[in-house]
N, C-alpha and C. Protein backbone atom coordinates (compact mmCIF):
# COMPACT_ATOMS: atom_id res chain seq x y z
N MET A 1 187.40 -150.24 -75.82
CA MET A 1 186.21 -149.39 -75.60
C MET A 1 184.97 -150.13 -76.07
N HIS A 2 183.94 -150.11 -75.26
CA HIS A 2 182.70 -150.79 -75.61
C HIS A 2 182.00 -150.09 -76.77
N VAL A 3 181.20 -150.90 -77.49
CA VAL A 3 180.46 -150.36 -78.64
C VAL A 3 179.52 -149.24 -78.19
N VAL A 4 178.86 -149.42 -77.06
CA VAL A 4 177.92 -148.40 -76.57
C VAL A 4 178.65 -147.09 -76.30
N GLU A 5 179.85 -147.18 -75.72
CA GLU A 5 180.62 -145.97 -75.43
C GLU A 5 181.01 -145.25 -76.71
N ARG A 6 181.41 -146.04 -77.75
CA ARG A 6 181.76 -145.43 -79.05
C ARG A 6 180.56 -144.70 -79.64
N VAL A 7 179.39 -145.33 -79.58
CA VAL A 7 178.18 -144.71 -80.14
C VAL A 7 177.87 -143.41 -79.42
N LEU A 8 177.99 -143.40 -78.09
CA LEU A 8 177.70 -142.18 -77.33
C LEU A 8 178.67 -141.07 -77.69
N ILE A 9 179.95 -141.42 -77.87
CA ILE A 9 180.95 -140.42 -78.25
C ILE A 9 180.65 -139.85 -79.63
N LEU A 10 180.28 -140.72 -80.58
CA LEU A 10 179.96 -140.27 -81.93
C LEU A 10 178.73 -139.36 -81.93
N LEU A 11 177.72 -139.72 -81.13
CA LEU A 11 176.53 -138.88 -81.05
C LEU A 11 176.86 -137.53 -80.44
N PHE A 12 177.71 -137.52 -79.43
CA PHE A 12 178.11 -136.27 -78.79
C PHE A 12 178.87 -135.37 -79.78
N ALA A 13 179.77 -135.99 -80.57
CA ALA A 13 180.51 -135.23 -81.59
C ALA A 13 179.58 -134.67 -82.64
N LEU A 14 178.55 -135.46 -83.02
CA LEU A 14 177.59 -135.00 -84.01
C LEU A 14 176.82 -133.80 -83.49
N VAL A 15 176.42 -133.83 -82.23
CA VAL A 15 175.71 -132.70 -81.63
C VAL A 15 176.59 -131.47 -81.63
N LEU A 16 177.87 -131.63 -81.29
CA LEU A 16 178.79 -130.50 -81.29
C LEU A 16 178.93 -129.90 -82.67
N ASN A 17 179.01 -130.77 -83.70
CA ASN A 17 179.13 -130.28 -85.07
C ASN A 17 177.89 -129.53 -85.51
N LEU A 18 176.71 -130.04 -85.14
CA LEU A 18 175.46 -129.37 -85.49
C LEU A 18 175.38 -128.01 -84.84
N ASP A 19 175.77 -127.93 -83.56
CA ASP A 19 175.76 -126.65 -82.85
C ASP A 19 176.72 -125.67 -83.50
N ALA A 20 177.89 -126.16 -83.89
CA ALA A 20 178.88 -125.28 -84.53
C ALA A 20 178.36 -124.78 -85.86
N SER A 21 177.69 -125.68 -86.63
CA SER A 21 177.15 -125.27 -87.92
C SER A 21 176.07 -124.22 -87.76
N ALA A 22 175.20 -124.41 -86.76
CA ALA A 22 174.12 -123.45 -86.52
C ALA A 22 174.69 -122.10 -86.14
N THR A 23 175.74 -122.11 -85.28
CA THR A 23 176.36 -120.86 -84.87
C THR A 23 176.99 -120.15 -86.05
N ALA A 24 177.67 -120.92 -86.90
CA ALA A 24 178.30 -120.32 -88.08
C ALA A 24 177.27 -119.72 -89.00
N ALA A 25 176.15 -120.46 -89.22
CA ALA A 25 175.13 -119.96 -90.14
C ALA A 25 174.50 -118.69 -89.60
N ALA A 26 174.32 -118.63 -88.27
CA ALA A 26 173.69 -117.45 -87.68
C ALA A 26 174.56 -116.22 -87.81
N SER A 27 175.87 -116.40 -87.92
CA SER A 27 176.78 -115.26 -87.95
C SER A 27 177.24 -114.91 -89.35
N ASP A 28 176.74 -115.64 -90.35
CA ASP A 28 177.21 -115.44 -91.71
C ASP A 28 176.50 -114.34 -92.47
N TRP A 29 175.51 -113.69 -91.87
CA TRP A 29 174.80 -112.62 -92.57
C TRP A 29 175.71 -111.41 -92.74
N PRO A 30 175.42 -110.57 -93.71
CA PRO A 30 176.27 -109.39 -93.92
C PRO A 30 176.38 -108.53 -92.67
N ASP A 31 177.47 -107.78 -92.58
CA ASP A 31 177.67 -106.90 -91.42
C ASP A 31 176.47 -105.98 -91.24
N GLY A 32 176.05 -105.80 -90.01
CA GLY A 32 174.94 -104.89 -89.72
C GLY A 32 173.59 -105.56 -89.74
N LEU A 33 173.51 -106.88 -90.04
CA LEU A 33 172.23 -107.59 -90.07
C LEU A 33 172.27 -108.79 -89.13
N VAL A 34 171.11 -109.08 -88.54
CA VAL A 34 171.00 -110.21 -87.63
C VAL A 34 169.61 -110.81 -87.79
N LEU A 35 169.49 -112.11 -87.56
CA LEU A 35 168.18 -112.77 -87.60
C LEU A 35 167.39 -112.35 -86.37
N HIS A 36 166.23 -111.73 -86.61
CA HIS A 36 165.41 -111.25 -85.50
C HIS A 36 164.92 -112.41 -84.65
N GLY A 37 164.99 -112.27 -83.34
CA GLY A 37 164.56 -113.33 -82.45
C GLY A 37 163.11 -113.72 -82.66
N ASP A 38 162.83 -115.03 -82.63
CA ASP A 38 161.47 -115.56 -82.78
C ASP A 38 160.84 -115.21 -84.11
N SER A 39 161.65 -115.05 -85.17
CA SER A 39 161.09 -114.72 -86.48
C SER A 39 161.18 -115.88 -87.46
N THR A 40 161.71 -117.02 -87.04
CA THR A 40 161.86 -118.16 -87.94
C THR A 40 160.52 -118.83 -88.20
N SER A 41 160.24 -119.15 -89.46
CA SER A 41 158.97 -119.78 -89.82
C SER A 41 158.91 -121.20 -89.25
N PRO A 42 157.69 -121.76 -89.08
CA PRO A 42 157.55 -123.10 -88.50
C PRO A 42 158.33 -124.18 -89.26
N ASP A 43 158.46 -124.04 -90.58
CA ASP A 43 159.20 -125.05 -91.34
C ASP A 43 160.71 -124.80 -91.35
N GLY A 44 161.15 -123.70 -90.71
CA GLY A 44 162.57 -123.41 -90.62
C GLY A 44 163.18 -122.81 -91.87
N HIS A 45 162.35 -122.47 -92.86
CA HIS A 45 162.88 -121.97 -94.13
C HIS A 45 163.13 -120.46 -94.13
N TYR A 46 162.31 -119.71 -93.43
CA TYR A 46 162.34 -118.25 -93.56
C TYR A 46 162.56 -117.56 -92.22
N GLY A 47 163.03 -116.31 -92.30
CA GLY A 47 163.21 -115.50 -91.11
C GLY A 47 163.35 -114.04 -91.51
N ILE A 48 163.30 -113.16 -90.52
CA ILE A 48 163.38 -111.73 -90.77
C ILE A 48 164.74 -111.20 -90.32
N LEU A 49 165.45 -110.56 -91.24
CA LEU A 49 166.73 -109.94 -90.92
C LEU A 49 166.50 -108.47 -90.57
N VAL A 50 167.11 -108.03 -89.49
CA VAL A 50 166.99 -106.63 -89.06
C VAL A 50 168.38 -106.07 -88.80
N ALA A 51 168.45 -104.75 -88.71
CA ALA A 51 169.72 -104.10 -88.39
C ALA A 51 170.15 -104.47 -86.97
N THR A 52 171.45 -104.59 -86.76
CA THR A 52 171.95 -104.97 -85.44
C THR A 52 171.91 -103.79 -84.49
N SER A 53 171.96 -104.12 -83.21
CA SER A 53 171.90 -103.07 -82.20
C SER A 53 173.18 -102.25 -82.13
N SER A 54 174.19 -102.58 -82.93
CA SER A 54 175.40 -101.76 -82.97
C SER A 54 175.11 -100.37 -83.49
N HIS A 55 173.93 -100.20 -84.15
CA HIS A 55 173.53 -98.87 -84.63
C HIS A 55 173.08 -97.97 -83.47
N VAL A 56 172.79 -98.58 -82.32
CA VAL A 56 172.25 -97.82 -81.20
C VAL A 56 173.41 -97.23 -80.40
N ASP A 57 173.37 -95.91 -80.18
CA ASP A 57 174.45 -95.25 -79.44
C ASP A 57 174.28 -95.44 -77.94
N ASP A 58 173.18 -94.91 -77.39
CA ASP A 58 173.00 -94.99 -75.95
C ASP A 58 171.69 -95.66 -75.54
N GLY A 59 170.86 -96.03 -76.52
CA GLY A 59 169.62 -96.73 -76.21
C GLY A 59 168.55 -95.88 -75.57
N THR A 60 168.68 -94.57 -75.61
CA THR A 60 167.71 -93.71 -74.91
C THR A 60 166.91 -92.85 -75.87
N THR A 61 167.22 -92.88 -77.16
CA THR A 61 166.53 -92.00 -78.10
C THR A 61 166.04 -92.79 -79.30
N TYR A 62 165.10 -92.21 -80.02
CA TYR A 62 164.67 -92.82 -81.26
C TYR A 62 165.79 -92.70 -82.28
N LEU A 63 165.88 -93.68 -83.16
CA LEU A 63 166.97 -93.69 -84.13
C LEU A 63 166.59 -92.94 -85.39
N ILE A 64 167.54 -92.20 -85.93
CA ILE A 64 167.38 -91.56 -87.22
C ILE A 64 168.56 -91.97 -88.08
N ALA A 65 168.30 -92.59 -89.20
CA ALA A 65 169.38 -93.06 -90.05
C ALA A 65 170.16 -91.87 -90.62
N GLU A 66 171.45 -91.88 -90.39
CA GLU A 66 172.30 -90.86 -90.96
C GLU A 66 172.74 -91.29 -92.35
N GLU A 67 173.34 -90.37 -93.07
CA GLU A 67 173.77 -90.67 -94.43
C GLU A 67 174.72 -91.88 -94.41
N GLY A 68 174.43 -92.85 -95.26
CA GLY A 68 175.26 -94.05 -95.33
C GLY A 68 174.78 -95.19 -94.45
N GLU A 69 173.86 -94.93 -93.51
CA GLU A 69 173.34 -95.98 -92.65
C GLU A 69 172.08 -96.59 -93.28
N ASP A 70 171.88 -97.86 -93.02
CA ASP A 70 170.75 -98.57 -93.61
C ASP A 70 170.09 -99.42 -92.53
N PHE A 71 168.84 -99.10 -92.19
CA PHE A 71 168.10 -99.86 -91.20
C PHE A 71 167.09 -100.79 -91.87
N THR A 72 167.26 -101.08 -93.15
CA THR A 72 166.31 -101.90 -93.89
C THR A 72 166.19 -103.30 -93.30
N ASN A 73 164.95 -103.82 -93.26
CA ASN A 73 164.69 -105.20 -92.86
C ASN A 73 164.46 -106.05 -94.11
N TYR A 74 164.74 -107.35 -94.00
CA TYR A 74 164.63 -108.25 -95.15
C TYR A 74 163.94 -109.55 -94.76
N LEU A 75 163.24 -110.15 -95.74
CA LEU A 75 162.81 -111.54 -95.59
C LEU A 75 163.93 -112.39 -96.17
N ALA A 76 164.35 -113.39 -95.41
CA ALA A 76 165.48 -114.22 -95.84
C ALA A 76 165.10 -115.69 -95.88
N HIS A 77 165.73 -116.43 -96.80
CA HIS A 77 165.61 -117.88 -96.83
C HIS A 77 166.79 -118.42 -96.04
N LEU A 78 166.49 -119.05 -94.91
CA LEU A 78 167.55 -119.43 -93.99
C LEU A 78 168.36 -120.62 -94.48
N GLN A 79 167.76 -121.51 -95.27
CA GLN A 79 168.49 -122.69 -95.72
C GLN A 79 169.43 -122.38 -96.88
N THR A 80 169.01 -121.48 -97.77
CA THR A 80 169.89 -121.07 -98.88
C THR A 80 170.72 -119.85 -98.52
N HIS A 81 170.42 -119.27 -97.36
CA HIS A 81 171.15 -118.11 -96.86
C HIS A 81 171.08 -116.93 -97.84
N GLN A 82 169.87 -116.66 -98.33
CA GLN A 82 169.67 -115.58 -99.29
C GLN A 82 168.65 -114.58 -98.76
N LYS A 83 168.89 -113.32 -99.06
CA LYS A 83 167.88 -112.28 -98.81
C LYS A 83 166.90 -112.30 -99.97
N LEU A 84 165.62 -112.49 -99.68
CA LEU A 84 164.61 -112.56 -100.74
C LEU A 84 164.10 -111.19 -101.15
N GLY A 85 164.40 -110.16 -100.37
CA GLY A 85 163.98 -108.81 -100.75
C GLY A 85 163.79 -107.92 -99.54
N LYS A 86 163.74 -106.62 -99.81
CA LYS A 86 163.54 -105.63 -98.76
C LYS A 86 162.07 -105.58 -98.33
N ILE A 87 161.85 -105.38 -97.06
CA ILE A 87 160.50 -105.18 -96.54
C ILE A 87 160.22 -103.69 -96.55
N LYS A 88 159.21 -103.29 -97.32
CA LYS A 88 158.88 -101.87 -97.43
C LYS A 88 158.51 -101.30 -96.07
N LYS A 89 159.06 -100.16 -95.76
CA LYS A 89 158.83 -99.46 -94.49
C LYS A 89 159.40 -100.22 -93.30
N GLY A 90 160.12 -101.31 -93.54
CA GLY A 90 160.72 -102.07 -92.45
C GLY A 90 162.06 -101.47 -92.07
N ASP A 91 162.14 -100.86 -90.89
CA ASP A 91 163.37 -100.19 -90.48
C ASP A 91 163.68 -100.45 -89.01
N TYR A 92 163.29 -101.62 -88.52
CA TYR A 92 163.51 -101.93 -87.11
C TYR A 92 164.97 -102.29 -86.84
N VAL A 93 165.48 -101.86 -85.70
CA VAL A 93 166.82 -102.20 -85.23
C VAL A 93 166.68 -103.10 -84.01
N GLU A 94 167.37 -104.23 -84.01
CA GLU A 94 167.26 -105.19 -82.91
C GLU A 94 167.53 -104.52 -81.56
N HIS A 95 166.60 -104.73 -80.61
CA HIS A 95 166.68 -104.19 -79.25
C HIS A 95 166.57 -102.66 -79.23
N GLU A 96 165.93 -102.09 -80.22
CA GLU A 96 165.76 -100.64 -80.26
C GLU A 96 164.86 -100.17 -79.13
N ASN A 97 165.23 -99.08 -78.52
CA ASN A 97 164.47 -98.55 -77.39
C ASN A 97 163.12 -97.98 -77.84
N HIS A 98 162.05 -98.29 -77.11
CA HIS A 98 160.70 -97.78 -77.38
C HIS A 98 160.11 -98.28 -78.70
N ARG A 99 160.72 -99.28 -79.31
CA ARG A 99 160.14 -99.87 -80.51
C ARG A 99 160.26 -101.39 -80.41
N HIS A 100 159.44 -102.08 -81.20
CA HIS A 100 159.46 -103.53 -81.14
C HIS A 100 158.94 -104.07 -82.47
N LEU A 101 159.28 -105.32 -82.76
CA LEU A 101 158.79 -105.98 -83.96
C LEU A 101 158.27 -107.35 -83.57
N ASP A 102 156.97 -107.59 -83.85
CA ASP A 102 156.36 -108.90 -83.63
C ASP A 102 156.24 -109.62 -84.97
N VAL A 103 156.57 -110.90 -84.99
CA VAL A 103 156.50 -111.71 -86.21
C VAL A 103 155.62 -112.91 -85.93
N ALA A 104 154.55 -113.08 -86.72
CA ALA A 104 153.63 -114.21 -86.56
C ALA A 104 153.50 -114.94 -87.89
N TRP A 105 153.74 -116.26 -87.87
CA TRP A 105 153.64 -117.08 -89.07
C TRP A 105 152.39 -117.97 -89.02
N SER A 106 151.84 -118.25 -90.19
CA SER A 106 150.79 -119.26 -90.27
C SER A 106 151.43 -120.63 -90.06
N PRO A 107 150.68 -121.64 -89.61
CA PRO A 107 151.27 -122.96 -89.35
C PRO A 107 151.94 -123.59 -90.57
N ASP A 108 151.47 -123.24 -91.78
CA ASP A 108 152.07 -123.82 -92.99
C ASP A 108 153.21 -122.98 -93.55
N SER A 109 153.59 -121.91 -92.84
CA SER A 109 154.72 -121.04 -93.22
C SER A 109 154.50 -120.29 -94.53
N LYS A 110 153.24 -120.17 -94.96
CA LYS A 110 152.96 -119.48 -96.22
C LYS A 110 152.63 -118.00 -96.03
N VAL A 111 152.32 -117.60 -94.81
CA VAL A 111 151.95 -116.21 -94.54
C VAL A 111 152.66 -115.74 -93.28
N CYS A 112 153.17 -114.52 -93.34
CA CYS A 112 153.86 -113.93 -92.20
C CYS A 112 153.27 -112.54 -91.94
N ILE A 113 152.94 -112.25 -90.68
CA ILE A 113 152.42 -110.93 -90.31
C ILE A 113 153.47 -110.22 -89.47
N LEU A 114 153.90 -109.05 -89.94
CA LEU A 114 154.87 -108.24 -89.22
C LEU A 114 154.14 -107.05 -88.60
N THR A 115 154.30 -106.88 -87.31
CA THR A 115 153.72 -105.72 -86.63
C THR A 115 154.85 -104.89 -86.04
N TYR A 116 155.02 -103.68 -86.58
CA TYR A 116 156.03 -102.76 -86.08
C TYR A 116 155.38 -101.86 -85.03
N TRP A 117 155.98 -101.82 -83.85
CA TRP A 117 155.41 -101.09 -82.73
C TRP A 117 156.21 -99.84 -82.39
N ASP A 118 155.49 -98.77 -82.09
CA ASP A 118 156.10 -97.61 -81.44
C ASP A 118 155.87 -97.79 -79.94
N ARG A 119 156.01 -96.73 -79.18
CA ARG A 119 155.96 -96.86 -77.72
C ARG A 119 154.60 -97.32 -77.20
N TYR A 120 153.51 -96.78 -77.77
CA TYR A 120 152.18 -97.06 -77.22
C TYR A 120 151.26 -97.84 -78.17
N GLY A 121 151.65 -98.01 -79.40
CA GLY A 121 150.79 -98.70 -80.35
C GLY A 121 151.57 -99.07 -81.60
N PHE A 122 150.91 -99.75 -82.53
CA PHE A 122 151.62 -100.17 -83.73
C PHE A 122 151.80 -98.99 -84.69
N SER A 123 152.90 -99.03 -85.44
CA SER A 123 153.16 -98.01 -86.46
C SER A 123 152.82 -98.52 -87.85
N SER A 124 153.05 -99.80 -88.12
CA SER A 124 152.71 -100.37 -89.43
C SER A 124 152.53 -101.87 -89.29
N ILE A 125 151.76 -102.44 -90.23
CA ILE A 125 151.54 -103.89 -90.26
C ILE A 125 151.69 -104.35 -91.71
N ALA A 126 152.47 -105.39 -91.91
CA ALA A 126 152.68 -105.93 -93.26
C ALA A 126 152.39 -107.42 -93.27
N VAL A 127 151.74 -107.89 -94.33
CA VAL A 127 151.49 -109.31 -94.54
C VAL A 127 152.42 -109.77 -95.66
N LEU A 128 153.31 -110.70 -95.36
CA LEU A 128 154.26 -111.22 -96.34
C LEU A 128 153.86 -112.64 -96.75
N GLU A 129 154.04 -112.94 -98.06
CA GLU A 129 153.80 -114.28 -98.58
C GLU A 129 155.00 -114.70 -99.41
N PRO A 130 155.83 -115.61 -98.89
CA PRO A 130 156.98 -116.08 -99.67
C PRO A 130 156.54 -116.77 -100.95
N LYS A 131 157.24 -116.44 -102.04
CA LYS A 131 156.95 -117.02 -103.36
C LYS A 131 158.26 -117.44 -104.01
N GLY A 132 158.75 -118.62 -103.65
CA GLY A 132 160.00 -119.08 -104.23
C GLY A 132 161.17 -118.23 -103.78
N THR A 133 161.78 -117.51 -104.74
CA THR A 133 162.94 -116.67 -104.41
C THR A 133 162.54 -115.21 -104.17
N SER A 134 161.26 -114.94 -103.99
CA SER A 134 160.81 -113.58 -103.72
C SER A 134 159.61 -113.66 -102.77
N PHE A 135 158.89 -112.56 -102.62
CA PHE A 135 157.69 -112.56 -101.77
C PHE A 135 156.82 -111.38 -102.15
N THR A 136 155.55 -111.46 -101.78
CA THR A 136 154.64 -110.33 -101.94
C THR A 136 154.39 -109.71 -100.58
N GLN A 137 154.09 -108.41 -100.59
CA GLN A 137 153.84 -107.69 -99.34
C GLN A 137 152.56 -106.89 -99.46
N THR A 138 151.69 -107.02 -98.48
CA THR A 138 150.46 -106.25 -98.41
C THR A 138 150.48 -105.45 -97.10
N ASP A 139 150.41 -104.14 -97.22
CA ASP A 139 150.42 -103.28 -96.04
C ASP A 139 148.98 -103.00 -95.62
N ILE A 140 148.66 -103.34 -94.37
CA ILE A 140 147.29 -103.16 -93.90
C ILE A 140 147.20 -102.18 -92.73
N GLY A 141 148.33 -101.76 -92.20
CA GLY A 141 148.32 -100.89 -91.03
C GLY A 141 147.70 -99.53 -91.28
N GLU A 142 148.00 -98.94 -92.44
CA GLU A 142 147.49 -97.60 -92.73
C GLU A 142 145.96 -97.59 -92.79
N ARG A 143 145.40 -98.60 -93.40
CA ARG A 143 143.94 -98.70 -93.49
C ARG A 143 143.32 -98.79 -92.10
N ILE A 144 143.93 -99.58 -91.22
CA ILE A 144 143.41 -99.74 -89.86
C ILE A 144 143.51 -98.43 -89.10
N HIS A 145 144.66 -97.77 -89.20
CA HIS A 145 144.85 -96.49 -88.51
C HIS A 145 143.82 -95.46 -88.97
N LYS A 146 143.62 -95.35 -90.28
CA LYS A 146 142.68 -94.35 -90.80
C LYS A 146 141.27 -94.60 -90.29
N SER A 147 140.86 -95.86 -90.26
CA SER A 147 139.52 -96.19 -89.79
C SER A 147 139.35 -95.85 -88.31
N LEU A 148 140.35 -96.21 -87.51
CA LEU A 148 140.27 -95.93 -86.07
C LEU A 148 140.31 -94.44 -85.78
N ASP A 149 141.19 -93.72 -86.47
CA ASP A 149 141.29 -92.27 -86.26
C ASP A 149 140.00 -91.56 -86.66
N ALA A 150 139.36 -92.03 -87.74
CA ALA A 150 138.11 -91.41 -88.18
C ALA A 150 137.03 -91.54 -87.10
N MET A 151 137.00 -92.69 -86.43
CA MET A 151 136.01 -92.90 -85.37
C MET A 151 136.29 -91.99 -84.17
N ILE A 152 137.56 -91.86 -83.81
CA ILE A 152 137.93 -91.00 -82.69
C ILE A 152 137.66 -89.54 -83.01
N GLN A 153 137.97 -89.14 -84.23
CA GLN A 153 137.73 -87.76 -84.64
C GLN A 153 136.24 -87.43 -84.65
N LYS A 154 135.42 -88.39 -85.04
CA LYS A 154 133.97 -88.17 -85.05
C LYS A 154 133.44 -87.99 -83.63
N GLN A 155 133.94 -88.78 -82.70
CA GLN A 155 133.49 -88.65 -81.31
C GLN A 155 133.95 -87.34 -80.67
N SER A 156 135.18 -86.96 -80.97
CA SER A 156 135.78 -85.80 -80.30
C SER A 156 135.49 -84.49 -81.01
N HIS A 157 135.02 -84.57 -82.26
CA HIS A 157 134.81 -83.38 -83.11
C HIS A 157 136.14 -82.64 -83.31
N ASP A 158 137.22 -83.39 -83.32
CA ASP A 158 138.56 -82.83 -83.54
C ASP A 158 139.18 -83.55 -84.73
N PRO A 159 139.30 -82.87 -85.89
CA PRO A 159 139.81 -83.52 -87.10
C PRO A 159 141.29 -83.88 -87.03
N GLU A 160 141.98 -83.41 -86.00
CA GLU A 160 143.41 -83.69 -85.89
C GLU A 160 143.72 -84.80 -84.88
N MET A 161 142.70 -85.24 -84.14
CA MET A 161 142.96 -86.22 -83.08
C MET A 161 143.21 -87.60 -83.68
N SER A 162 144.09 -88.35 -83.04
CA SER A 162 144.39 -89.72 -83.48
C SER A 162 144.58 -90.60 -82.26
N GLY A 163 144.63 -91.89 -82.48
CA GLY A 163 144.76 -92.82 -81.37
C GLY A 163 145.93 -93.76 -81.54
N GLU A 164 146.28 -94.43 -80.45
CA GLU A 164 147.29 -95.49 -80.46
C GLU A 164 146.56 -96.82 -80.40
N ALA A 165 146.93 -97.73 -81.30
CA ALA A 165 146.13 -98.95 -81.46
C ALA A 165 146.93 -100.22 -81.19
N THR A 166 146.21 -101.22 -80.69
CA THR A 166 146.76 -102.56 -80.47
C THR A 166 145.98 -103.56 -81.32
N PRO A 167 146.63 -104.24 -82.27
CA PRO A 167 145.92 -105.18 -83.14
C PRO A 167 146.03 -106.63 -82.67
N TYR A 168 145.03 -107.42 -83.07
CA TYR A 168 145.03 -108.86 -82.82
C TYR A 168 144.67 -109.54 -84.15
N PHE A 169 145.29 -110.70 -84.42
CA PHE A 169 145.12 -111.35 -85.72
C PHE A 169 144.67 -112.80 -85.56
N ARG A 170 143.96 -113.25 -86.61
CA ARG A 170 143.61 -114.66 -86.71
C ARG A 170 143.64 -115.06 -88.18
N LEU A 171 144.40 -116.10 -88.48
CA LEU A 171 144.49 -116.60 -89.85
C LEU A 171 143.41 -117.65 -90.05
N SER A 172 142.53 -117.42 -91.01
CA SER A 172 141.40 -118.32 -91.22
C SER A 172 141.65 -119.24 -92.42
N PRO A 173 140.95 -120.38 -92.50
CA PRO A 173 141.13 -121.32 -93.60
C PRO A 173 140.71 -120.75 -94.96
N ASP A 174 139.89 -119.69 -94.98
CA ASP A 174 139.41 -119.15 -96.26
C ASP A 174 140.37 -118.10 -96.84
N ARG A 175 141.66 -118.21 -96.47
CA ARG A 175 142.72 -117.36 -97.02
C ARG A 175 142.50 -115.89 -96.69
N LYS A 176 142.09 -115.63 -95.46
CA LYS A 176 141.94 -114.25 -95.00
C LYS A 176 142.69 -114.06 -93.68
N VAL A 177 143.22 -112.85 -93.51
CA VAL A 177 143.78 -112.45 -92.23
C VAL A 177 142.73 -111.62 -91.52
N ARG A 178 142.19 -112.14 -90.45
CA ARG A 178 141.15 -111.42 -89.71
C ARG A 178 141.82 -110.54 -88.65
N VAL A 179 141.38 -109.27 -88.61
CA VAL A 179 142.03 -108.29 -87.74
C VAL A 179 141.01 -107.68 -86.79
N ARG A 180 141.42 -107.52 -85.55
CA ARG A 180 140.65 -106.80 -84.55
C ARG A 180 141.61 -105.85 -83.86
N ALA A 181 141.31 -104.55 -83.87
CA ALA A 181 142.22 -103.57 -83.28
C ALA A 181 141.47 -102.61 -82.37
N LEU A 182 142.06 -102.30 -81.24
CA LEU A 182 141.49 -101.37 -80.27
C LEU A 182 142.39 -100.15 -80.18
N ALA A 183 141.78 -98.96 -80.15
CA ALA A 183 142.57 -97.72 -80.11
C ALA A 183 142.01 -96.75 -79.09
N ALA A 184 142.88 -95.89 -78.57
CA ALA A 184 142.48 -94.83 -77.64
C ALA A 184 143.41 -93.64 -77.85
N ASN A 185 142.89 -92.46 -77.61
CA ASN A 185 143.68 -91.24 -77.83
C ASN A 185 144.52 -90.86 -76.62
N ASN A 186 144.35 -91.57 -75.51
CA ASN A 186 145.00 -91.19 -74.26
C ASN A 186 145.72 -92.39 -73.66
N PRO A 187 146.79 -92.88 -74.33
CA PRO A 187 147.45 -94.11 -73.86
C PRO A 187 148.09 -93.98 -72.48
N LYS A 188 148.46 -92.76 -72.07
CA LYS A 188 149.05 -92.57 -70.74
C LYS A 188 147.99 -92.41 -69.66
N GLN A 189 146.71 -92.35 -70.08
CA GLN A 189 145.58 -92.27 -69.16
C GLN A 189 145.67 -91.07 -68.21
N PHE A 190 145.96 -89.92 -68.77
CA PHE A 190 145.94 -88.69 -67.99
C PHE A 190 144.50 -88.39 -67.56
N GLU A 191 144.31 -88.05 -66.31
CA GLU A 191 142.97 -87.81 -65.80
C GLU A 191 142.33 -86.56 -66.41
N GLU A 192 143.14 -85.57 -66.76
CA GLU A 192 142.61 -84.32 -67.29
C GLU A 192 142.30 -84.39 -68.79
N VAL A 193 142.62 -85.52 -69.42
CA VAL A 193 142.37 -85.68 -70.85
C VAL A 193 141.18 -86.62 -71.05
N LYS A 194 140.20 -86.16 -71.82
CA LYS A 194 139.04 -87.01 -72.10
C LYS A 194 139.46 -88.09 -73.08
N THR A 195 139.10 -89.33 -72.76
CA THR A 195 139.55 -90.47 -73.56
C THR A 195 138.44 -90.95 -74.50
N TYR A 196 138.82 -91.16 -75.75
CA TYR A 196 137.90 -91.70 -76.76
C TYR A 196 138.46 -93.04 -77.24
N TYR A 197 137.54 -93.97 -77.50
CA TYR A 197 137.95 -95.31 -77.91
C TYR A 197 137.38 -95.65 -79.29
N ALA A 198 138.07 -96.56 -79.97
CA ALA A 198 137.59 -97.01 -81.28
C ALA A 198 137.94 -98.48 -81.46
N LEU A 199 137.11 -99.18 -82.23
CA LEU A 199 137.30 -100.60 -82.51
C LEU A 199 137.26 -100.84 -84.01
N PHE A 200 138.24 -101.57 -84.51
CA PHE A 200 138.28 -101.97 -85.92
C PHE A 200 138.16 -103.49 -86.00
N LYS A 201 137.25 -103.95 -86.89
CA LYS A 201 137.13 -105.38 -87.15
C LYS A 201 137.02 -105.55 -88.67
N GLY A 202 137.89 -106.37 -89.23
CA GLY A 202 137.86 -106.57 -90.67
C GLY A 202 138.78 -107.70 -91.06
N ASP A 203 138.92 -107.93 -92.37
CA ASP A 203 139.79 -108.99 -92.83
C ASP A 203 140.47 -108.58 -94.12
N VAL A 204 141.58 -109.24 -94.38
CA VAL A 204 142.35 -109.01 -95.61
C VAL A 204 142.50 -110.34 -96.33
N ARG A 205 142.07 -110.39 -97.58
CA ARG A 205 142.20 -111.65 -98.35
C ARG A 205 143.62 -111.79 -98.82
N ARG A 206 144.17 -112.99 -98.62
CA ARG A 206 145.54 -113.23 -99.01
C ARG A 206 145.62 -113.63 -100.47
């Protein structure tokens, strides 16, 4: 056998071993947890663990955790295979109907923005900062919702009215998360419902 052929075979075997290792690592999380798609940090160190879709019965209804069930989400260190802690208010189930989870990392993998979505707008937003074997969490969604709802209520003269909002983020060099969010009270755009709009612009220092 030629030297070139031996080298190609060895490289092919190495690729197979790497693929097998990656598959094994991906399946080694505790039962009921899975690495959320597209949640791995740019440096490959961190990711978000969520409940598996095995919790979903028929995929047509919102999920309610029954006694003994746990939909908790976690920040995990992928290389050490450790859960660094629970994400407060994080209860997303992979492939859950009418809900979604967006994960955005800064290029240096030091900041992670989690946006939990309901059917028409976000439900909560959390800013995570990994710190060794733990992390800090700053919740900014409630502040944004309150500001947007206050503007809609002022326009409509209805203290109970609220809106569904879509946020946009930009991570700036001055250690701030800049947020722009648009909201409306009529996401289905019913013609008989008067629509009010609101805009939030602000930043959160990391």
